[in-house]
Amino acid sequence: MDDSKLSRSEFMKRDSKFTDLQKGYLKQFVADCLIKRFTLEESLLYLKDKLGIQVEEDEFNYLKGELKRDIRRNVHYLRRYEYAYIHEYLDE
């Protein structure tokens, strides 16, 4: 494992420098960076601009990895269960 990568337990043990409001937006802003295909440097600047606080590279990489795992898990679920998509998106 690369020294620059955070494990989940290491990430959770860190003192939070984000307010509750910032935490709410952080995952969405990381997703924005992925969708817009920003480089690492562009992503960190974007997050600093949006949140008003510096996000460290290892924190960003951890959140990006978590987001990708969540997406992969959701896509796998929707592909595996025939009616999951209909239930999730079309049923009221």
C-alpha atoms as a PDB file:
ATOM      1  CA  MET A   1       0.000   0.000   0.000  1.00  0.00           C
ATOM      2  CA  ASP A   2       1.272   3.452  -0.915  1.00  0.00           C
ATOM      3  CA  ASP A   3       2.231   5.678   2.044  1.00  0.00           C
ATOM      4  CA  SER A   4       0.199   8.566   0.608  1.00  0.00           C
ATOM      5  CA  LYS A   5      -3.052   6.576   0.769  1.00  0.00           C
ATOM      6  CA  LEU A   6      -5.265   6.829   3.811  1.00  0.00           C
ATOM      7  CA  SER A   7      -7.110   3.877   5.206  1.00  0.00           C
ATOM      8  CA  ARG A   8     -10.687   4.368   6.339  1.00  0.00           C
ATOM      9  CA  SER A   9      -9.683   4.140  10.009  1.00  0.00           C
ATOM     10  CA  GLU A  10      -6.899   6.721   9.553  1.00  0.00           C
ATOM     11  CA  PHE A  11      -9.273   9.053   7.743  1.00  0.00           C
ATOM     12  CA  MET A  12     -11.957   8.734  10.416  1.00  0.00           C
ATOM     13  CA  LYS A  13      -9.469   9.279  13.286  1.00  0.00           C
ATOM     14  CA  ARG A  14      -8.380  12.656  11.955  1.00  0.00           C
ATOM     15  CA  ASP A  15      -9.721  15.716  13.685  1.00  0.00           C
ATOM     16  CA  SER A  16     -12.331  17.184  11.417  1.00  0.00           C
ATOM     17  CA  LYS A  17     -11.474  20.596  10.054  1.00  0.00           C
ATOM     18  CA  PHE A  18     -14.759  20.804   8.188  1.00  0.00           C
ATOM     19  CA  THR A  19     -17.997  22.228   9.506  1.00  0.00           C
ATOM     20  CA  ASP A  20     -21.157  20.163   9.177  1.00  0.00           C
ATOM     21  CA  LEU A  21     -22.227  22.304   6.232  1.00  0.00           C
ATOM     22  CA  GLN A  22     -18.881  21.784   4.483  1.00  0.00           C
ATOM     23  CA  LYS A  23     -19.086  18.021   5.071  1.00  0.00           C
ATOM     24  CA  GLY A  24     -22.465  18.003   3.401  1.00  0.00           C
ATOM     25  CA  TYR A  25     -21.077  19.579   0.250  1.00  0.00           C
ATOM     26  CA  LEU A  26     -17.648  17.914   0.183  1.00  0.00           C
ATOM     27  CA  LYS A  27     -18.677  14.652  -1.488  1.00  0.00           C
ATOM     28  CA  GLN A  28     -20.692  16.511  -4.132  1.00  0.00           C
ATOM     29  CA  PHE A  29     -17.752  18.818  -4.891  1.00  0.00           C
ATOM     30  CA  VAL A  30     -15.412  15.816  -5.247  1.00  0.00           C
ATOM     31  CA  ALA A  31     -17.949  14.292  -7.666  1.00  0.00           C
ATOM     32  CA  ASP A  32     -17.967  17.585  -9.598  1.00  0.00           C
ATOM     33  CA  CYS A  33     -14.179  17.344  -9.920  1.00  0.00           C
ATOM     34  CA  LEU A  34     -14.431  13.807 -11.309  1.00  0.00           C
ATOM     35  CA  ILE A  35     -17.195  14.707 -13.759  1.00  0.00           C
ATOM     36  CA  LYS A  36     -15.298  17.771 -14.989  1.00  0.00           C
ATOM     37  CA  ARG A  37     -12.118  15.655 -15.253  1.00  0.00           C
ATOM     38  CA  PHE A  38     -10.006  18.103 -13.254  1.00  0.00           C
ATOM     39  CA  THR A  39      -6.376  17.313 -12.526  1.00  0.00           C
ATOM     40  CA  LEU A  40      -5.395  16.855  -8.882  1.00  0.00           C
ATOM     41  CA  GLU A  41      -4.142  20.422  -8.641  1.00  0.00           C
ATOM     42  CA  GLU A  42      -7.286  21.823 -10.286  1.00  0.00           C
ATOM     43  CA  SER A  43      -9.441  19.732  -7.961  1.00  0.00           C
ATOM     44  CA  LEU A  44      -7.687  20.971  -4.839  1.00  0.00           C
ATOM     45  CA  LEU A  45      -8.033  24.585  -6.003  1.00  0.00           C
ATOM     46  CA  TYR A  46     -11.716  24.020  -6.825  1.00  0.00           C
ATOM     47  CA  LEU A  47     -12.368  22.558  -3.365  1.00  0.00           C
ATOM     48  CA  LYS A  48     -10.488  25.385  -1.668  1.00  0.00           C
ATOM     49  CA  ASP A  49     -12.536  27.913  -3.625  1.00  0.00           C
ATOM     50  CA  LYS A  50     -15.853  26.199  -2.845  1.00  0.00           C
ATOM     51  CA  LEU A  51     -15.227  25.273   0.799  1.00  0.00           C
ATOM     52  CA  GLY A  52     -12.908  28.082   1.845  1.00  0.00           C
ATOM     53  CA  ILE A  53     -10.466  25.616   3.398  1.00  0.00           C
ATOM     54  CA  GLN A  54      -7.480  23.676   2.073  1.00  0.00           C
ATOM     55  CA  VAL A  55      -8.148  19.982   1.424  1.00  0.00           C
ATOM     56  CA  GLU A  56      -5.088  17.770   1.573  1.00  0.00           C
ATOM     57  CA  GLU A  57      -4.154  15.519  -1.335  1.00  0.00           C
ATOM     58  CA  ASP A  58      -4.569  12.299   0.641  1.00  0.00           C
ATOM     59  CA  GLU A  59      -8.013  13.416   1.872  1.00  0.00           C
ATOM     60  CA  PHE A  60      -9.096  14.144  -1.688  1.00  0.00           C
ATOM     61  CA  ASN A  61      -7.759  10.808  -2.950  1.00  0.00           C
ATOM     62  CA  TYR A  62      -9.540   8.947  -0.141  1.00  0.00           C
ATOM     63  CA  LEU A  63     -12.872  10.660  -0.879  1.00  0.00           C
ATOM     64  CA  LYS A  64     -12.458  10.118  -4.620  1.00  0.00           C
ATOM     65  CA  GLY A  65     -11.840   6.412  -4.031  1.00  0.00           C
ATOM     66  CA  GLU A  66     -14.841   6.128  -1.708  1.00  0.00           C
ATOM     67  CA  LEU A  67     -17.050   7.857  -4.253  1.00  0.00           C
ATOM     68  CA  LYS A  68     -15.892   5.539  -7.038  1.00  0.00           C
ATOM     69  CA  ARG A  69     -16.531   2.478  -4.841  1.00  0.00           C
ATOM     70  CA  ASP A  70     -20.045   3.748  -4.020  1.00  0.00           C
ATOM     71  CA  ILE A  71     -20.816   4.276  -7.697  1.00  0.00           C
ATOM     72  CA  ARG A  72     -19.441   0.850  -8.641  1.00  0.00           C
ATOM     73  CA  ARG A  73     -21.522  -0.785  -5.886  1.00  0.00           C
ATOM     74  CA  ASN A  74     -24.711   0.990  -7.029  1.00  0.00           C
ATOM     75  CA  VAL A  75     -24.177   0.123 -10.702  1.00  0.00           C
ATOM     76  CA  HIS A  76     -23.508  -3.504  -9.789  1.00  0.00           C
ATOM     77  CA  TYR A  77     -26.734  -3.614  -7.765  1.00  0.00           C
ATOM     78  CA  LEU A  78     -28.775  -2.082 -10.584  1.00  0.00           C
ATOM     79  CA  ARG A  79     -27.293  -4.527 -13.120  1.00  0.00           C
ATOM     80  CA  ARG A  80     -27.818  -7.568 -10.918  1.00  0.00           C
ATOM     81  CA  TYR A  81     -31.427  -7.066  -9.939  1.00  0.00           C
ATOM     82  CA  GLU A  82     -33.781  -6.835 -12.883  1.00  0.00           C
ATOM     83  CA  TYR A  83     -36.360  -4.504 -11.341  1.00  0.00           C
ATOM     84  CA  ALA A  84     -34.044  -2.430  -9.148  1.00  0.00           C
ATOM     85  CA  TYR A  85     -33.738   0.332 -11.745  1.00  0.00           C
ATOM     86  CA  ILE A  86     -37.482   0.542 -12.204  1.00  0.00           C
ATOM     87  CA  HIS A  87     -38.053   0.554  -8.470  1.00  0.00           C
ATOM     88  CA  GLU A  88     -35.323   3.138  -7.868  1.00  0.00           C
ATOM     89  CA  TYR A  89     -36.097   5.606 -10.634  1.00  0.00           C
ATOM     90  CA  LEU A  90     -39.567   5.031 -12.040  1.00  0.00           C
ATOM     91  CA  ASP A  91     -41.769   4.023  -9.098  1.00  0.00           C
ATOM     92  CA  GLU A  92     -43.216   6.803  -7.035  1.00  0.00           C
END
